[in-house]
Protein backbone atom coordinates (compact mmCIF):
# COMPACT_ATOMS: atom_id res chain seq x y z
CA MET A 1 0.00 0.00 0.00
CA LYS A 2 1.30 3.43 -0.94
CA ILE A 3 1.44 6.32 1.50
CA ARG A 4 -0.96 8.36 -0.60
CA ASP A 5 -3.59 5.63 -0.16
CA LEU A 6 -3.49 6.22 3.60
CA VAL A 7 -4.38 9.90 3.31
CA GLN A 8 -7.20 9.81 0.79
CA PRO A 9 -9.86 12.45 1.53
CA ALA A 10 -12.45 9.75 2.19
CA SER A 11 -10.37 8.42 5.08
CA LEU A 12 -10.16 11.81 6.82
CA PRO A 13 -12.94 13.50 8.79
CA ARG A 14 -14.45 16.26 6.68
CA ARG A 15 -13.65 19.04 9.15
CA LEU A 16 -10.03 17.90 9.51
CA LEU A 17 -9.67 17.87 5.74
CA ARG A 18 -11.12 21.38 5.46
CA PHE A 19 -8.71 22.59 8.15
CA SER A 20 -5.66 20.97 6.54
CA CYS A 21 -6.45 22.27 3.06
CA TYR A 22 -7.56 25.80 3.89
CA LYS A 23 -7.44 26.82 7.54
CA PHE A 24 -3.87 25.78 8.34
CA PRO A 25 -2.22 27.90 5.58
CA CYS A 26 -4.44 30.86 6.49
CA THR A 27 -3.46 30.50 10.15
CA ILE A 28 0.24 30.55 9.31
CA LYS A 29 -0.29 33.60 7.10
CA ASN A 30 -2.19 35.44 9.85
CA PHE A 31 0.51 34.67 12.41
CA ALA A 32 3.10 36.26 10.13
CA VAL A 33 0.97 39.25 9.13
CA GLY A 34 -0.25 39.93 12.67
CA PHE A 35 3.24 39.72 14.15
CA LEU A 36 4.75 42.04 11.51
CA LYS A 37 1.94 44.59 11.70
CA ALA A 38 2.23 44.75 15.48
CA LYS A 39 6.01 45.21 15.26
CA LEU A 40 6.25 47.61 12.31
CA LYS A 41 3.29 49.86 13.03
CA ARG A 42 1.94 51.15 16.30
CA HIS A 43 -1.68 50.25 16.90
CA GLN A 44 -3.66 51.69 19.76
CA CYS A 45 -6.18 49.93 21.97
CA ASN A 46 -9.73 50.56 20.75
CA ILE A 47 -10.95 50.88 24.34
CA CYS A 48 -8.37 52.83 26.37
CA GLY A 49 -6.19 54.29 23.59
CA TYR A 50 -2.94 52.75 24.85
CA ARG A 51 -0.41 52.69 21.97
CA LYS A 52 1.84 49.76 22.86
CA VAL A 53 -0.45 46.83 22.16
CA GLU A 54 1.19 43.46 21.45
CA PHE A 55 0.55 40.59 19.06
CA VAL A 56 -0.57 37.43 20.89
CA TYR A 57 -2.31 34.94 18.60
CA ALA A 58 -3.73 34.16 15.17
CA THR A 59 -6.38 31.87 13.72
CA TYR A 60 -7.33 31.14 10.12
CA VAL A 61 -9.69 34.17 10.23
CA HIS A 62 -8.18 36.80 12.57
CA TYR A 63 -4.98 37.91 14.26
CA PHE A 64 -5.27 39.22 17.79
CA LEU A 65 -3.58 41.95 19.81
CA ARG A 66 -3.56 42.47 23.55
CA CYS A 67 -3.59 45.76 25.41
CA PRO A 68 -1.34 45.57 28.53
CA GLN A 69 -3.09 48.65 29.96
CA CYS A 70 -6.69 47.36 30.14
CA ASN A 71 -5.99 43.67 29.37
CA ILE A 72 -8.41 43.23 26.48
CA TYR A 73 -7.74 41.13 23.39
CA PHE A 74 -9.09 42.23 20.03
CA ALA A 75 -8.90 41.24 16.37
CA LEU A 76 -6.87 43.68 14.30
CA ASN A 77 -8.27 42.64 10.92
CA LEU A 78 -11.90 43.50 11.65
CA PRO A 79 -14.55 42.50 9.09
CA ASN A 80 -16.84 44.98 7.35
CA ALA A 81 -20.61 44.78 7.87
CA GLU A 82 -21.19 42.35 4.99
CA LYS A 83 -18.35 40.07 6.06
CA LEU A 84 -19.67 40.16 9.63
CA ARG A 85 -23.10 39.13 8.38
CA GLN A 86 -21.61 36.25 6.39
CA GLU A 87 -19.60 35.04 9.40
CA TYR A 88 -22.78 35.11 11.47
CA ILE A 89 -24.62 33.03 8.88
CA VAL A 90 -21.86 30.40 8.80
CA SER A 91 -21.85 30.16 12.62
CA ASN A 92 -25.49 30.63 13.58
CA ASP A 93 -27.99 30.65 10.71
CA LYS A 94 -30.27 27.63 11.18
CA GLU A 95 -31.17 27.26 7.48
CA TYR A 96 -27.50 27.34 6.41
CA LEU A 97 -26.41 24.85 9.09
CA GLN A 98 -29.29 22.49 8.33
CA GLU A 99 -28.26 22.38 4.66
CA ARG A 100 -24.74 21.31 5.74
CA GLY A 101 -25.98 18.81 8.34
CA GLU A 102 -24.31 20.78 11.15
CA TYR A 103 -27.33 22.18 13.03
CA ALA A 104 -27.77 21.22 16.68
CA ILE A 105 -31.02 22.10 18.45
CA PRO A 106 -30.14 24.61 21.18
CA ASN A 107 -31.21 24.06 24.79
CA TRP A 108 -33.44 27.13 24.93
CA ASN A 109 -35.21 26.09 28.14
CA GLY A 110 -31.99 26.03 30.15
CA TRP A 111 -30.79 29.22 28.50
CA MET A 112 -34.06 31.08 29.19
CA ASP A 113 -34.08 29.92 32.81
CA TRP A 114 -30.67 31.54 33.27
CA LYS A 115 -31.88 34.80 31.72
CA ILE A 116 -34.91 34.84 34.01
CA GLN A 117 -32.55 34.31 36.95
CA THR A 118 -30.32 37.10 35.63
CA PHE A 119 -33.20 39.59 35.67
CA LYS A 120 -34.13 38.43 39.15
CA ARG A 121 -30.54 38.74 40.36
CA LEU A 122 -30.39 42.31 39.00
CA LYS A 123 -33.72 43.21 40.70
CA LEU A 124 -35.40 44.16 37.44
CA GLU A 125 -38.85 43.92 39.08
CA GLU A 126 -38.17 46.98 41.24
CA PHE A 127 -37.06 48.95 38.18
CA GLU A 128 -40.20 47.87 36.30
CA LYS A 129 -42.47 49.18 39.05
CA GLU A 130 -40.61 52.48 38.93
CA LYS A 131 -41.04 52.85 35.15
CA GLY A 132 -44.75 51.92 34.95
CA SER A 133 -46.76 50.26 32.17
CA LEU A 134 -45.45 52.34 29.23
CA ARG A 135 -41.84 51.24 29.66
CA ARG A 136 -39.91 50.41 26.47
CA ALA A 137 -37.06 47.96 25.97
CA LEU A 138 -34.62 47.30 23.13
CA GLU A 139 -32.71 44.06 22.72
CA ILE A 140 -29.59 44.27 20.56
CA GLY A 141 -28.75 40.86 19.12
CA CYS A 142 -32.24 39.43 19.69
CA ALA A 143 -31.68 36.23 17.64
CA GLU A 144 -34.83 34.06 17.73
CA GLY A 145 -36.59 36.39 20.16
CA LYS A 146 -36.37 34.34 23.38
CA VAL A 147 -35.43 37.32 25.57
CA LEU A 148 -38.03 39.45 23.78
CA GLU A 149 -40.61 36.86 24.89
CA ILE A 150 -39.40 37.06 28.49
CA LEU A 151 -39.53 40.86 28.49
CA LYS A 152 -42.97 40.93 26.86
CA GLU A 153 -44.30 38.56 29.52
CA ARG A 154 -42.93 40.98 32.11
CA GLY A 155 -44.97 43.83 30.58
CA TRP A 156 -42.33 45.57 28.44
CA ASN A 157 -43.02 47.12 25.04
CA VAL A 158 -40.17 45.58 23.10
CA ILE A 159 -38.19 46.12 19.90
CA GLY A 160 -35.40 43.88 18.65
CA LEU A 161 -32.33 44.45 16.52
CA ASP A 162 -30.31 41.69 14.86
CA ILE A 163 -27.80 41.27 12.04
CA SER A 164 -29.59 38.19 10.65
CA GLU A 165 -32.54 38.52 8.28
CA TYR A 166 -33.43 34.90 9.06
CA GLU A 167 -33.63 35.58 12.81
CA ALA A 168 -35.63 38.76 12.18
CA ARG A 169 -38.20 36.76 10.17
CA LEU A 170 -38.57 34.32 13.06
CA CYS A 171 -39.16 37.18 15.50
CA LYS A 172 -41.68 38.85 13.22
CA LYS A 173 -43.65 35.59 13.03
CA LEU A 174 -43.93 35.84 16.82
CA GLY A 175 -45.31 39.38 16.45
CA PHE A 176 -42.18 41.34 17.37
CA ASN A 177 -40.90 44.45 15.64
CA VAL A 178 -37.30 43.68 14.65
CA ILE A 179 -34.82 45.81 12.72
CA VAL A 180 -32.07 44.17 10.66
CA ALA A 181 -28.81 46.03 11.31
CA THR A 182 -25.42 45.71 12.97
CA ALA A 183 -25.11 46.78 16.61
CA ASP A 184 -23.14 49.93 15.74
CA LYS A 185 -25.92 51.13 13.41
CA ILE A 186 -28.50 51.89 16.09
CA ASN A 187 -30.71 54.59 14.59
CA PHE A 188 -33.31 55.53 17.18
CA ARG A 189 -34.19 58.93 18.55
CA ASP A 190 -32.27 59.96 21.64
CA GLU A 191 -33.87 58.87 24.92
CA SER A 192 -36.21 56.32 23.30
CA PHE A 193 -35.87 53.41 25.74
CA ASP A 194 -35.96 52.68 29.46
CA LEU A 195 -33.98 49.46 29.09
CA VAL A 196 -31.45 48.04 26.62
CA VAL A 197 -30.30 44.42 26.87
CA MET A 198 -27.42 42.68 25.05
CA PHE A 199 -26.70 39.03 25.73
CA HIS A 200 -23.49 37.79 24.08
CA THR A 201 -23.49 40.54 21.48
CA LEU A 202 -20.80 43.06 22.41
CA GLU A 203 -17.93 40.64 21.70
CA HIS A 204 -19.22 40.26 18.12
CA THR A 205 -19.14 43.99 17.31
CA THR A 206 -16.40 45.77 15.39
CA ASN A 207 -16.60 48.96 17.48
CA PRO A 208 -17.76 48.36 21.09
CA MET A 209 -17.06 51.98 22.07
CA LEU A 210 -19.45 53.23 19.37
CA VAL A 211 -22.07 50.68 20.42
CA ALA A 212 -21.82 51.82 24.05
CA ARG A 213 -22.09 55.47 23.00
CA ASN A 214 -25.16 54.82 20.85
CA VAL A 215 -26.81 52.80 23.62
CA PHE A 216 -26.19 55.64 26.07
CA ASN A 217 -27.81 58.12 23.69
CA THR A 218 -30.85 55.95 23.03
CA LEU A 219 -31.54 55.42 26.76
CA LYS A 220 -33.74 57.79 28.69
CA LYS A 221 -32.30 59.48 31.75
CA GLY A 222 -32.39 56.87 34.49
CA GLY A 223 -32.52 54.13 31.87
CA ARG A 224 -30.50 50.95 32.30
CA LEU A 225 -28.31 48.67 30.24
CA VAL A 226 -28.03 44.95 31.00
CA PHE A 227 -25.35 43.09 29.07
CA GLU A 228 -23.63 39.75 29.31
CA LEU A 229 -20.60 38.32 27.53
CA PRO A 230 -18.03 35.53 27.90
CA TYR A 231 -15.56 35.88 30.73
CA PHE A 232 -12.34 33.89 30.78
CA LEU A 233 -10.81 32.93 34.10
CA ASP A 234 -8.59 30.35 32.37
CA LYS A 235 -6.21 31.46 29.61
CA LYS A 236 -6.38 28.03 28.00
CA ILE A 237 -10.13 28.44 27.45
CA LEU A 238 -9.54 32.00 26.23
CA PHE A 239 -7.10 30.87 23.54
CA GLU A 240 -9.46 28.07 22.48
CA ASP A 241 -12.21 30.64 21.98
CA PHE A 242 -10.04 32.67 19.61
CA SER A 243 -11.06 30.09 16.99
CA ASN A 244 -14.65 31.36 17.09
CA PRO A 245 -14.71 33.56 13.94
CA GLY A 246 -17.47 35.77 15.33
CA HIS A 247 -15.65 36.72 18.54
CA LEU A 248 -13.71 39.92 17.84
CA TYR A 249 -13.18 41.19 21.40
CA PHE A 250 -12.29 39.43 24.64
CA PHE A 251 -12.86 41.77 27.57
CA SER A 252 -11.43 42.10 31.04
CA GLU A 253 -13.33 43.76 33.87
CA LYS A 254 -10.87 46.66 33.74
CA GLY A 255 -11.46 47.15 30.02
CA LEU A 256 -15.24 46.92 30.32
CA GLU A 257 -15.40 49.42 33.16
CA LYS A 258 -13.13 51.83 31.26
CA MET A 259 -15.46 51.62 28.27
CA LEU A 260 -18.56 52.18 30.41
CA ARG A 261 -17.11 55.17 32.29
CA SER A 262 -15.87 56.75 29.06
CA ASN A 263 -19.40 56.69 27.69
CA GLY A 264 -21.10 58.14 30.75
CA PHE A 265 -22.56 55.03 32.39
CA THR A 266 -22.79 54.57 36.15
CA TYR A 267 -22.00 51.12 37.50
CA LEU A 268 -24.75 49.43 39.55
CA ASP A 269 -23.98 45.72 39.73
CA LYS A 270 -22.17 42.77 38.13
CA PHE A 271 -21.76 39.06 38.71
CA ILE A 272 -19.84 36.14 37.22
CA TYR A 273 -21.26 32.64 36.83
CA GLU A 274 -20.35 29.37 35.20
CA ASP A 275 -22.11 28.77 31.88
CA GLN A 276 -24.21 25.65 32.50
CA ILE A 277 -24.50 24.89 28.77
CA HIS A 278 -20.83 25.49 27.85
CA LYS A 279 -18.95 24.32 30.95
CA PRO A 280 -16.30 25.20 32.11
CA LYS A 281 -16.71 28.60 30.41
CA CYS A 282 -17.96 31.55 32.46
CA ASN A 283 -20.03 34.63 31.73
CA ILE A 284 -20.01 38.09 33.26
CA CYS A 285 -23.16 40.19 33.49
CA TYR A 286 -23.31 43.96 34.09
CA LEU A 287 -26.05 46.35 35.11
CA VAL A 288 -25.31 50.04 34.47
CA GLU A 289 -27.40 53.21 34.38
CA LYS A 290 -27.59 56.50 32.51
CA ARG A 291 -27.80 59.35 35.02
C-alpha cells in the first residue's frame, strides 16, 4: 500500500480535511501578518487608547492583539458589515447549518431559565415598578426572540435588533418588531428606551465603544443597560475561543469598566457565573445606568 492511499480524503474527517487544506495555511499567514503589523506599526487599543499593544495569537480568520493597559484582546483585521453578516450566517444561521448537516437544536429552556434568573438577580422587578406600564425595551442581538418573549411577559413594550434577516423573520412571526442592522448602526431617537439588553453581542461587534455610545444616547435618563458576555478565568479556554470567527473582542473587567465610564454610564452591579451549557466557560453580566 502506498502512503498516498493512507491519506485519501475519504479516510479523513471532513472538518479535519477542510482545516488541513484551507485553515492551516491561512493561520500561518495570519501569524506572520499579525506579528509584523504589530512590530512595524503602532496600533492603539480601541478601548483605552494605549499605543503599545502586542501581538498574541492568530487563527485562520483573525490575528489578535492584547492591550497591557486594560488587558483586552481584540482582532486587528476587523470584518466589514457584509463580512460580519456572512460570518454570522456560517456560525449561527439555522437554514444554512441544516443544509450542511451541522445544526444542533439549542437548549433554549436552560438558556431562558438563566436569563430569568439574571433579571431576578439584577432586581429588574423593582425597576419595572418604577417605570410603569409604558416602559420600552430594546434588545440588541435578539436572535430568535427568546429574551423578547421574556420581556414581553414581564410587561415591556419591546423592539429587537439583529444582524440576521433569518432571525428577524422568526421574531416577526412571533409578532415582534425587529430591525435588521449591525449593533453599531443603532438609529433611534435619543432617549427612546428605558432598558437596553445585550446578551453575548458586544464581543461580536467591530466597534464596542461606538455601540456603548449609541446605547447611552438611546436610553432615557435613568434608563438601564443589561449586558452579558463571555468571561475567561482560564487562559487556555480563552485561547481556544479565539477560533470562534465571530468573537472579535475578549474583555477584562478593567477594560469593560473603562469603556462604560468613558461613555457616561454609572455602574450598579455585576456578577460572574459558570455557563451551564458550555462548561467550564464563564459569563459576566453587568447592570449600568444613565444618570
